[in-house]
Amino acid sequence: MAITPAQCRSARTLLSWSVSKLAAAAGVSESAIDDFELERRPADPLVPSALQRAFEEVGVAFLPQDDVRLGSEVV
């Protein structure tokens, strides 16, 4: 299952990543991220998957109920 807009916002905050940095890491446009995070329109199914992969590559784990954490954090 792909990440939610709330998880995307939380993961960016956790990493202190700008939209620009995430766009570069995920290979998607900044406007696609803005649209996804703000739920402006239904996202292309490839966008959430690309975002999730970019976050997971640097150790972000996605948990139930829109939670996120870094893989090395104690639960």
N, C-alpha and C. Protein backbone atom coordinates (compact mmCIF):
# COMPACT_ATOMS: atom_id res chain seq x y z
N MET A 1 0.84 -1.18 0.00
CA MET A 1 0.00 0.00 0.00
C MET A 1 0.89 1.25 0.00
N ALA A 2 0.53 2.22 -0.80
CA ALA A 2 1.33 3.44 -0.92
C ALA A 2 1.08 4.38 0.26
N ILE A 3 1.98 5.29 0.45
CA ILE A 3 1.88 6.24 1.55
C ILE A 3 0.71 7.21 1.34
N THR A 4 0.30 7.81 2.44
CA THR A 4 -0.78 8.80 2.41
C THR A 4 -0.16 10.20 2.33
N PRO A 5 -0.97 11.19 1.96
CA PRO A 5 -0.45 12.56 1.96
C PRO A 5 0.08 12.98 3.35
N ALA A 6 -0.61 12.59 4.41
CA ALA A 6 -0.17 12.94 5.76
C ALA A 6 1.19 12.31 6.07
N GLN A 7 1.39 11.07 5.65
CA GLN A 7 2.68 10.41 5.88
C GLN A 7 3.79 11.10 5.09
N CYS A 8 3.47 11.55 3.90
CA CYS A 8 4.45 12.25 3.09
C CYS A 8 4.88 13.54 3.78
N ARG A 9 3.93 14.30 4.24
CA ARG A 9 4.24 15.55 4.95
C ARG A 9 5.07 15.26 6.21
N SER A 10 4.66 14.24 6.96
CA SER A 10 5.38 13.88 8.19
C SER A 10 6.80 13.42 7.91
N ALA A 11 6.97 12.62 6.88
CA ALA A 11 8.31 12.12 6.54
C ALA A 11 9.21 13.27 6.09
N ARG A 12 8.67 14.19 5.33
CA ARG A 12 9.48 15.35 4.93
C ARG A 12 9.91 16.16 6.14
N THR A 13 8.98 16.34 7.08
CA THR A 13 9.29 17.08 8.31
C THR A 13 10.34 16.34 9.12
N LEU A 14 10.19 15.03 9.26
CA LEU A 14 11.13 14.20 10.02
C LEU A 14 12.54 14.34 9.47
N LEU A 15 12.66 14.40 8.16
CA LEU A 15 13.97 14.48 7.51
C LEU A 15 14.42 15.91 7.25
N SER A 16 13.55 16.87 7.51
CA SER A 16 13.82 18.27 7.18
C SER A 16 14.09 18.44 5.69
N TRP A 17 13.31 17.72 4.88
CA TRP A 17 13.44 17.79 3.43
C TRP A 17 12.47 18.81 2.86
N SER A 18 12.95 19.59 1.92
CA SER A 18 12.08 20.49 1.16
C SER A 18 11.36 19.69 0.08
N VAL A 19 10.35 20.30 -0.50
CA VAL A 19 9.66 19.67 -1.63
C VAL A 19 10.67 19.44 -2.76
N SER A 20 11.55 20.40 -2.95
CA SER A 20 12.56 20.30 -4.01
C SER A 20 13.48 19.09 -3.80
N LYS A 21 13.93 18.90 -2.56
CA LYS A 21 14.82 17.76 -2.27
C LYS A 21 14.09 16.43 -2.49
N LEU A 22 12.83 16.35 -2.05
CA LEU A 22 12.06 15.13 -2.26
C LEU A 22 11.84 14.89 -3.74
N ALA A 23 11.54 15.94 -4.48
CA ALA A 23 11.32 15.79 -5.92
C ALA A 23 12.55 15.21 -6.60
N ALA A 24 13.71 15.70 -6.23
CA ALA A 24 14.95 15.19 -6.81
C ALA A 24 15.18 13.72 -6.42
N ALA A 25 14.93 13.40 -5.16
CA ALA A 25 15.15 12.03 -4.68
C ALA A 25 14.18 11.03 -5.29
N ALA A 26 12.94 11.48 -5.53
CA ALA A 26 11.91 10.58 -6.03
C ALA A 26 11.76 10.60 -7.54
N GLY A 27 12.34 11.60 -8.18
CA GLY A 27 12.22 11.69 -9.63
C GLY A 27 10.84 12.12 -10.10
N VAL A 28 10.17 12.93 -9.30
CA VAL A 28 8.86 13.47 -9.67
C VAL A 28 8.91 14.99 -9.56
N SER A 29 7.93 15.66 -10.13
CA SER A 29 7.94 17.13 -10.11
C SER A 29 7.50 17.66 -8.74
N GLU A 30 7.94 18.87 -8.46
CA GLU A 30 7.53 19.53 -7.22
C GLU A 30 6.02 19.74 -7.20
N SER A 31 5.44 20.07 -8.34
CA SER A 31 3.99 20.30 -8.38
C SER A 31 3.23 19.00 -8.11
N ALA A 32 3.77 17.86 -8.54
CA ALA A 32 3.11 16.58 -8.26
C ALA A 32 3.11 16.31 -6.75
N ILE A 33 4.20 16.68 -6.08
CA ILE A 33 4.27 16.49 -4.63
C ILE A 33 3.30 17.44 -3.93
N ASP A 34 3.30 18.71 -4.35
CA ASP A 34 2.36 19.68 -3.77
C ASP A 34 0.92 19.20 -3.93
N ASP A 35 0.58 18.77 -5.13
CA ASP A 35 -0.79 18.29 -5.39
C ASP A 35 -1.12 17.08 -4.51
N PHE A 36 -0.16 16.17 -4.35
CA PHE A 36 -0.38 14.98 -3.54
C PHE A 36 -0.55 15.35 -2.07
N GLU A 37 0.39 16.14 -1.54
CA GLU A 37 0.33 16.48 -0.12
C GLU A 37 -0.91 17.30 0.24
N LEU A 38 -1.33 18.16 -0.66
CA LEU A 38 -2.49 19.01 -0.40
C LEU A 38 -3.80 18.39 -0.88
N GLU A 39 -3.69 17.19 -1.44
CA GLU A 39 -4.86 16.44 -1.93
C GLU A 39 -5.72 17.28 -2.88
N ARG A 40 -5.05 17.98 -3.78
CA ARG A 40 -5.74 18.84 -4.75
C ARG A 40 -6.51 18.06 -5.79
N ARG A 41 -5.95 16.91 -6.17
CA ARG A 41 -6.59 16.04 -7.17
C ARG A 41 -6.07 14.63 -6.97
N PRO A 42 -6.73 13.65 -7.52
CA PRO A 42 -6.22 12.28 -7.37
C PRO A 42 -4.81 12.18 -7.96
N ALA A 43 -3.92 11.58 -7.21
CA ALA A 43 -2.53 11.45 -7.65
C ALA A 43 -2.38 10.35 -8.67
N ASP A 44 -1.47 10.55 -9.58
CA ASP A 44 -1.03 9.48 -10.47
C ASP A 44 -0.53 8.37 -9.54
N PRO A 45 -0.94 7.14 -9.74
CA PRO A 45 -0.53 6.06 -8.82
C PRO A 45 0.99 5.90 -8.68
N LEU A 46 1.74 6.37 -9.65
CA LEU A 46 3.19 6.24 -9.58
C LEU A 46 3.82 7.24 -8.60
N VAL A 47 3.15 8.35 -8.34
CA VAL A 47 3.71 9.39 -7.48
C VAL A 47 3.87 8.91 -6.04
N PRO A 48 2.81 8.43 -5.37
CA PRO A 48 3.00 7.98 -3.98
C PRO A 48 4.03 6.85 -3.87
N SER A 49 4.06 5.97 -4.84
CA SER A 49 5.03 4.87 -4.80
C SER A 49 6.46 5.39 -4.92
N ALA A 50 6.68 6.35 -5.80
CA ALA A 50 8.01 6.93 -5.96
C ALA A 50 8.44 7.67 -4.70
N LEU A 51 7.51 8.39 -4.09
CA LEU A 51 7.82 9.11 -2.86
C LEU A 51 8.17 8.14 -1.74
N GLN A 52 7.38 7.08 -1.61
CA GLN A 52 7.63 6.09 -0.57
C GLN A 52 9.00 5.44 -0.75
N ARG A 53 9.35 5.09 -1.98
CA ARG A 53 10.66 4.48 -2.24
C ARG A 53 11.80 5.43 -1.83
N ALA A 54 11.64 6.71 -2.18
CA ALA A 54 12.69 7.70 -1.84
C ALA A 54 12.86 7.80 -0.33
N PHE A 55 11.77 7.82 0.39
CA PHE A 55 11.86 7.89 1.85
C PHE A 55 12.43 6.61 2.44
N GLU A 56 11.99 5.47 1.96
CA GLU A 56 12.47 4.19 2.50
C GLU A 56 13.96 4.00 2.26
N GLU A 57 14.47 4.56 1.16
CA GLU A 57 15.90 4.44 0.86
C GLU A 57 16.77 5.13 1.90
N VAL A 58 16.22 6.11 2.62
CA VAL A 58 16.98 6.80 3.66
C VAL A 58 16.53 6.40 5.07
N GLY A 59 15.75 5.32 5.16
CA GLY A 59 15.43 4.74 6.46
C GLY A 59 14.11 5.10 7.09
N VAL A 60 13.21 5.76 6.35
CA VAL A 60 11.90 6.07 6.91
C VAL A 60 11.03 4.82 6.85
N ALA A 61 10.34 4.55 7.95
CA ALA A 61 9.40 3.43 8.03
C ALA A 61 7.99 4.02 8.14
N PHE A 62 7.07 3.43 7.42
CA PHE A 62 5.69 3.89 7.43
C PHE A 62 4.86 2.93 8.26
N LEU A 63 4.15 3.50 9.23
CA LEU A 63 3.38 2.74 10.21
C LEU A 63 1.89 2.98 10.02
N PRO A 64 1.06 2.16 10.66
CA PRO A 64 -0.39 2.38 10.56
C PRO A 64 -0.79 3.75 11.11
N GLN A 65 -1.95 4.19 10.72
CA GLN A 65 -2.57 5.43 11.20
C GLN A 65 -1.72 6.65 10.89
N ASP A 66 -1.14 6.69 9.70
CA ASP A 66 -0.38 7.83 9.20
C ASP A 66 0.87 8.16 9.98
N ASP A 67 1.39 7.23 10.77
CA ASP A 67 2.62 7.46 11.52
C ASP A 67 3.84 7.13 10.66
N VAL A 68 4.95 7.80 10.96
CA VAL A 68 6.23 7.52 10.32
C VAL A 68 7.32 7.57 11.39
N ARG A 69 8.44 6.91 11.12
CA ARG A 69 9.59 6.98 12.02
C ARG A 69 10.83 6.63 11.22
N LEU A 70 11.97 7.02 11.75
CA LEU A 70 13.23 6.58 11.16
C LEU A 70 13.50 5.18 11.64
N GLY A 71 14.05 4.35 10.80
CA GLY A 71 14.27 2.94 11.12
C GLY A 71 15.09 2.72 12.36
N SER A 72 15.97 3.65 12.70
CA SER A 72 16.84 3.47 13.87
C SER A 72 16.21 3.96 15.16
N GLU A 73 15.02 4.58 15.09
CA GLU A 73 14.38 5.07 16.30
C GLU A 73 13.78 3.95 17.12
N VAL A 74 13.78 4.12 18.41
CA VAL A 74 13.15 3.15 19.31
C VAL A 74 11.65 3.38 19.30
N VAL A 75 10.90 2.29 19.20
CA VAL A 75 9.43 2.42 19.17
C VAL A 75 8.89 2.49 20.56
